[in-house]
Amino acid sequence: MVTTVIAHEPPLSDLLPDAERIRAQGEEVIATHFGGDPVGAMRKFLVMAGIDLPEPVFQQFFAQEPNPRDRADADFQYAHMYRPTTRWIPDFDVLRTRPVVVGIGTESAGQLCERTSEALAKELGVEPVRFPGDHTGFAGDPAAFAARLGDFL
């Protein structure tokens, strides 16, 4: 039923040559979160991901006391979604039967998801394409992101 796959910065770290190191860092992030230090976990995650946030931005987004819903969401993400998302290996033969667009944010240079996206594109024999913004460019500038996405729909 899928006619085109658009994979924007898929975090497929098991495609990388240093996957074991990244797995170990991910386990440390999860352990830190469930050890009662969600702020420390986010700091470790951002370092692992190669994302550098100015301290005031980090404080505003991640160092505030989370409400119960946000805490439950983070717990669920770390307990049930983090590992399957980052460790999934796509079926490349199936993906090669459809057009695949591998998107990378223009502001994601040097970040882990740029590396994973480039690895996926290489495996599929396609050139990655740039989208506005970073990993969450769709949230930062939805109009520009949607316009770029429209190029492929």
Foldseek 3Di string as FASTA:
>chain_A
DDAEAEAELQLQLVLDPCSVVLVVLLVVLLCCLVVPHPLVSVVSVCVSFVHDDDPVVSCVPPVDDDDPVVSVVVNCCSPPPPCCRHNDDDPLVVNLVHHYAYEAEPPSPPTSSVVVSVSSCVSNVHDHDYAHDGSVRCVVDVVRRVVVVVVPD
